[in-house]
Amino acid sequence: MQNYSDHKNLPAAARHGIMAIGNFDGVHRGHQAILQQCREHAARWRVPLTVV
């Protein structure tokens, strides 16, 4: 795992991507739908996906 305290310090490979930020307190159908959409976008655009 890598931690970055400032977006200016991100490596080039991590500057473009999809990020889902939320309180994923158990992955129910609503959360699954959000994460699936994020996965699809990340795959389509060939960028990393991060879930926080």
PDB file of N, CA and C in Angstrom:
ATOM      1  N   MET A   1       0.842  -1.166   0.000  1.00  0.00           N
ATOM      2  CA  MET A   1       0.000   0.000   0.000  1.00  0.00           C
ATOM      3  C   MET A   1       0.886   1.227   0.000  1.00  0.00           C
ATOM      4  N   GLN A   2       0.474   2.233  -0.750  1.00  0.00           N
ATOM      5  CA  GLN A   2       1.199   3.490  -0.784  1.00  0.00           C
ATOM      6  C   GLN A   2       0.274   4.598  -0.307  1.00  0.00           C
ATOM      7  N   ASN A   3       0.807   5.495   0.492  1.00  0.00           N
ATOM      8  CA  ASN A   3       0.041   6.627   1.000  1.00  0.00           C
ATOM      9  C   ASN A   3       0.626   7.913   0.450  1.00  0.00           C
ATOM     10  N   TYR A   4      -0.253   8.816   0.051  1.00  0.00           N
ATOM     11  CA  TYR A   4       0.168  10.120  -0.453  1.00  0.00           C
ATOM     12  C   TYR A   4      -0.622  11.183   0.290  1.00  0.00           C
ATOM     13  N   SER A   5       0.064  12.166   0.818  1.00  0.00           N
ATOM     14  CA  SER A   5      -0.612  13.215   1.577  1.00  0.00           C
ATOM     15  C   SER A   5      -0.974  14.408   0.701  1.00  0.00           C
ATOM     16  N   ASP A   6      -0.505  14.421  -0.522  1.00  0.00           N
ATOM     17  CA  ASP A   6      -0.761  15.550  -1.410  1.00  0.00           C
ATOM     18  C   ASP A   6      -0.849  15.026  -2.841  1.00  0.00           C
ATOM     19  N   HIS A   7      -1.857  15.452  -3.561  1.00  0.00           N
ATOM     20  CA  HIS A   7      -2.014  14.973  -4.935  1.00  0.00           C
ATOM     21  C   HIS A   7      -0.851  15.371  -5.837  1.00  0.00           C
ATOM     22  N   LYS A   8      -0.111  16.391  -5.458  1.00  0.00           N
ATOM     23  CA  LYS A   8       1.028  16.837  -6.266  1.00  0.00           C
ATOM     24  C   LYS A   8       2.173  15.828  -6.238  1.00  0.00           C
ATOM     25  N   ASN A   9       2.191  14.948  -5.243  1.00  0.00           N
ATOM     26  CA  ASN A   9       3.260  13.956  -5.110  1.00  0.00           C
ATOM     27  C   ASN A   9       2.930  12.616  -5.768  1.00  0.00           C
ATOM     28  N   LEU A  10       1.783  12.507  -6.400  1.00  0.00           N
ATOM     29  CA  LEU A  10       1.391  11.240  -7.013  1.00  0.00           C
ATOM     30  C   LEU A  10       2.298  10.902  -8.191  1.00  0.00           C
ATOM     31  N   PRO A  11       2.635   9.627  -8.345  1.00  0.00           N
ATOM     32  CA  PRO A  11       3.386   9.227  -9.535  1.00  0.00           C
ATOM     33  C   PRO A  11       2.496   9.372 -10.771  1.00  0.00           C
ATOM     34  N   ALA A  12       3.101   9.487 -11.920  1.00  0.00           N
ATOM     35  CA  ALA A  12       2.348   9.705 -13.161  1.00  0.00           C
ATOM     36  C   ALA A  12       1.280   8.637 -13.377  1.00  0.00           C
ATOM     37  N   ALA A  13       1.582   7.390 -13.054  1.00  0.00           N
ATOM     38  CA  ALA A  13       0.632   6.291 -13.274  1.00  0.00           C
ATOM     39  C   ALA A  13      -0.619   6.416 -12.411  1.00  0.00           C
ATOM     40  N   ALA A  14      -0.560   7.176 -11.332  1.00  0.00           N
ATOM     41  CA  ALA A  14      -1.702   7.300 -10.423  1.00  0.00           C
ATOM     42  C   ALA A  14      -2.462   8.608 -10.594  1.00  0.00           C
ATOM     43  N   ARG A  15      -2.055   9.442 -11.515  1.00  0.00           N
ATOM     44  CA  ARG A  15      -2.697  10.750 -11.668  1.00  0.00           C
ATOM     45  C   ARG A  15      -4.044  10.684 -12.366  1.00  0.00           C
ATOM     46  N   HIS A  16      -4.236   9.688 -13.164  1.00  0.00           N
ATOM     47  CA  HIS A  16      -5.504   9.533 -13.868  1.00  0.00           C
ATOM     48  C   HIS A  16      -6.096   8.207 -13.433  1.00  0.00           C
ATOM     49  N   GLY A  17      -7.290   8.255 -12.923  1.00  0.00           N
ATOM     50  CA  GLY A  17      -7.901   7.025 -12.459  1.00  0.00           C
ATOM     51  C   GLY A  17      -9.304   7.270 -11.947  1.00  0.00           C
ATOM     52  N   ILE A  18      -9.897   6.218 -11.465  1.00  0.00           N
ATOM     53  CA  ILE A  18     -11.240   6.242 -10.899  1.00  0.00           C
ATOM     54  C   ILE A  18     -11.103   6.001  -9.403  1.00  0.00           C
ATOM     55  N   MET A  19     -11.812   6.809  -8.600  1.00  0.00           N
ATOM     56  CA  MET A  19     -11.772   6.621  -7.152  1.00  0.00           C
ATOM     57  C   MET A  19     -13.195   6.657  -6.609  1.00  0.00           C
ATOM     58  N   ALA A  20     -13.533   5.661  -5.820  1.00  0.00           N
ATOM     59  CA  ALA A  20     -14.811   5.616  -5.120  1.00  0.00           C
ATOM     60  C   ALA A  20     -14.525   5.863  -3.648  1.00  0.00           C
ATOM     61  N   ILE A  21     -15.088   6.943  -3.116  1.00  0.00           N
ATOM     62  CA  ILE A  21     -14.882   7.289  -1.710  1.00  0.00           C
ATOM     63  C   ILE A  21     -16.227   7.152  -1.011  1.00  0.00           C
ATOM     64  N   GLY A  22     -16.262   6.381   0.056  1.00  0.00           N
ATOM     65  CA  GLY A  22     -17.524   6.224   0.752  1.00  0.00           C
ATOM     66  C   GLY A  22     -17.392   5.402   2.009  1.00  0.00           C
ATOM     67  N   ASN A  23     -18.522   5.184   2.647  1.00  0.00           N
ATOM     68  CA  ASN A  23     -18.590   4.355   3.843  1.00  0.00           C
ATOM     69  C   ASN A  23     -19.159   3.005   3.408  1.00  0.00           C
ATOM     70  N   PHE A  24     -18.281   2.140   2.926  1.00  0.00           N
ATOM     71  CA  PHE A  24     -18.697   0.840   2.417  1.00  0.00           C
ATOM     72  C   PHE A  24     -18.786  -0.137   3.587  1.00  0.00           C
ATOM     73  N   ASP A  25     -19.873  -0.006   4.341  1.00  0.00           N
ATOM     74  CA  ASP A  25     -20.093  -0.735   5.589  1.00  0.00           C
ATOM     75  C   ASP A  25     -20.792  -2.069   5.339  1.00  0.00           C
ATOM     76  N   GLY A  26     -20.209  -2.859   4.514  1.00  0.00           N
ATOM     77  CA  GLY A  26     -20.854  -4.092   4.079  1.00  0.00           C
ATOM     78  C   GLY A  26     -21.261  -3.878   2.636  1.00  0.00           C
ATOM     79  N   VAL A  27     -20.879  -4.769   1.786  1.00  0.00           N
ATOM     80  CA  VAL A  27     -21.082  -4.517   0.360  1.00  0.00           C
ATOM     81  C   VAL A  27     -22.447  -5.057  -0.053  1.00  0.00           C
ATOM     82  N   HIS A  28     -23.481  -4.217   0.090  1.00  0.00           N
ATOM     83  CA  HIS A  28     -24.833  -4.598  -0.320  1.00  0.00           C
ATOM     84  C   HIS A  28     -25.028  -4.268  -1.800  1.00  0.00           C
ATOM     85  N   ARG A  29     -26.200  -4.486  -2.328  1.00  0.00           N
ATOM     86  CA  ARG A  29     -26.444  -4.319  -3.766  1.00  0.00           C
ATOM     87  C   ARG A  29     -26.147  -2.910  -4.262  1.00  0.00           C
ATOM     88  N   GLY A  30     -26.465  -1.912  -3.470  1.00  0.00           N
ATOM     89  CA  GLY A  30     -26.186  -0.530  -3.878  1.00  0.00           C
ATOM     90  C   GLY A  30     -24.695  -0.287  -4.029  1.00  0.00           C
ATOM     91  N   HIS A  31     -23.932  -0.750  -3.044  1.00  0.00           N
ATOM     92  CA  HIS A  31     -22.475  -0.604  -3.121  1.00  0.00           C
ATOM     93  C   HIS A  31     -21.914  -1.420  -4.281  1.00  0.00           C
ATOM     94  N   GLN A  32     -22.437  -2.616  -4.482  1.00  0.00           N
ATOM     95  CA  GLN A  32     -21.969  -3.454  -5.584  1.00  0.00           C
ATOM     96  C   GLN A  32     -22.186  -2.762  -6.924  1.00  0.00           C
ATOM     97  N   ALA A  33     -23.322  -2.084  -7.073  1.00  0.00           N
ATOM     98  CA  ALA A  33     -23.621  -1.382  -8.326  1.00  0.00           C
ATOM     99  C   ALA A  33     -22.640  -0.234  -8.551  1.00  0.00           C
ATOM    100  N   ILE A  34     -22.350   0.521  -7.497  1.00  0.00           N
ATOM    101  CA  ILE A  34     -21.390   1.625  -7.608  1.00  0.00           C
ATOM    102  C   ILE A  34     -20.017   1.096  -7.989  1.00  0.00           C
ATOM    103  N   LEU A  35     -19.567   0.066  -7.300  1.00  0.00           N
ATOM    104  CA  LEU A  35     -18.238  -0.485  -7.566  1.00  0.00           C
ATOM    105  C   LEU A  35     -18.162  -1.110  -8.958  1.00  0.00           C
ATOM    106  N   GLN A  36     -19.244  -1.735  -9.409  1.00  0.00           N
ATOM    107  CA  GLN A  36     -19.255  -2.311 -10.758  1.00  0.00           C
ATOM    108  C   GLN A  36     -19.126  -1.217 -11.811  1.00  0.00           C
ATOM    109  N   GLN A  37     -19.833  -0.109 -11.633  1.00  0.00           N
ATOM    110  CA  GLN A  37     -19.712   1.004 -12.577  1.00  0.00           C
ATOM    111  C   GLN A  37     -18.293   1.551 -12.586  1.00  0.00           C
ATOM    112  N   CYS A  38     -17.691   1.668 -11.411  1.00  0.00           N
ATOM    113  CA  CYS A  38     -16.307   2.144 -11.328  1.00  0.00           C
ATOM    114  C   CYS A  38     -15.367   1.188 -12.052  1.00  0.00           C
ATOM    115  N   ARG A  39     -15.556  -0.114 -11.848  1.00  0.00           N
ATOM    116  CA  ARG A  39     -14.718  -1.112 -12.539  1.00  0.00           C
ATOM    117  C   ARG A  39     -14.865  -0.998 -14.053  1.00  0.00           C
ATOM    118  N   GLU A  40     -16.096  -0.827 -14.521  1.00  0.00           N
ATOM    119  CA  GLU A  40     -16.331  -0.717 -15.965  1.00  0.00           C
ATOM    120  C   GLU A  40     -15.653   0.518 -16.549  1.00  0.00           C
ATOM    121  N   HIS A  41     -15.779   1.651 -15.860  1.00  0.00           N
ATOM    122  CA  HIS A  41     -15.134   2.883 -16.334  1.00  0.00           C
ATOM    123  C   HIS A  41     -13.621   2.731 -16.337  1.00  0.00           C
ATOM    124  N   ALA A  42     -13.073   2.177 -15.274  1.00  0.00           N
ATOM    125  CA  ALA A  42     -11.620   1.998 -15.180  1.00  0.00           C
ATOM    126  C   ALA A  42     -11.117   1.082 -16.298  1.00  0.00           C
ATOM    127  N   ALA A  43     -11.850   0.018 -16.581  1.00  0.00           N
ATOM    128  CA  ALA A  43     -11.445  -0.899 -17.649  1.00  0.00           C
ATOM    129  C   ALA A  43     -11.543  -0.217 -19.012  1.00  0.00           C
ATOM    130  N   ARG A  44     -12.619   0.523 -19.225  1.00  0.00           N
ATOM    131  CA  ARG A  44     -12.816   1.195 -20.508  1.00  0.00           C
ATOM    132  C   ARG A  44     -11.717   2.220 -20.768  1.00  0.00           C
ATOM    133  N   TRP A  45     -11.364   2.971 -19.728  1.00  0.00           N
ATOM    134  CA  TRP A  45     -10.369   4.039 -19.882  1.00  0.00           C
ATOM    135  C   TRP A  45      -8.949   3.563 -19.578  1.00  0.00           C
ATOM    136  N   ARG A  46      -8.835   2.276 -19.170  1.00  0.00           N
ATOM    137  CA  ARG A  46      -7.531   1.683 -18.850  1.00  0.00           C
ATOM    138  C   ARG A  46      -6.773   2.504 -17.806  1.00  0.00           C
ATOM    139  N   VAL A  47      -7.470   2.779 -16.724  1.00  0.00           N
ATOM    140  CA  VAL A  47      -6.884   3.522 -15.607  1.00  0.00           C
ATOM    141  C   VAL A  47      -7.087   2.719 -14.326  1.00  0.00           C
ATOM    142  N   PRO A  48      -6.310   3.020 -13.282  1.00  0.00           N
ATOM    143  CA  PRO A  48      -6.471   2.299 -12.018  1.00  0.00           C
ATOM    144  C   PRO A  48      -7.771   2.669 -11.309  1.00  0.00           C
ATOM    145  N   LEU A  49      -8.251   1.751 -10.498  1.00  0.00           N
ATOM    146  CA  LEU A  49      -9.433   1.966  -9.659  1.00  0.00           C
ATOM    147  C   LEU A  49      -8.994   1.900  -8.207  1.00  0.00           C
ATOM    148  N   THR A  50      -9.431   2.876  -7.426  1.00  0.00           N
ATOM    149  CA  THR A  50      -9.143   2.913  -5.993  1.00  0.00           C
ATOM    150  C   THR A  50     -10.456   3.041  -5.240  1.00  0.00           C
ATOM    151  N   VAL A  51     -10.621   2.272  -4.183  1.00  0.00           N
ATOM    152  CA  VAL A  51     -11.807   2.365  -3.328  1.00  0.00           C
ATOM    153  C   VAL A  51     -11.341   2.758  -1.940  1.00  0.00           C
ATOM    154  N   VAL A  52     -11.905   3.858  -1.438  1.00  0.00           N
ATOM    155  CA  VAL A  52     -11.539   4.365  -0.108  1.00  0.00           C
ATOM    156  C   VAL A  52     -12.781   4.376   0.752  1.00  0.00           C
TER     157      VAL A  52
END
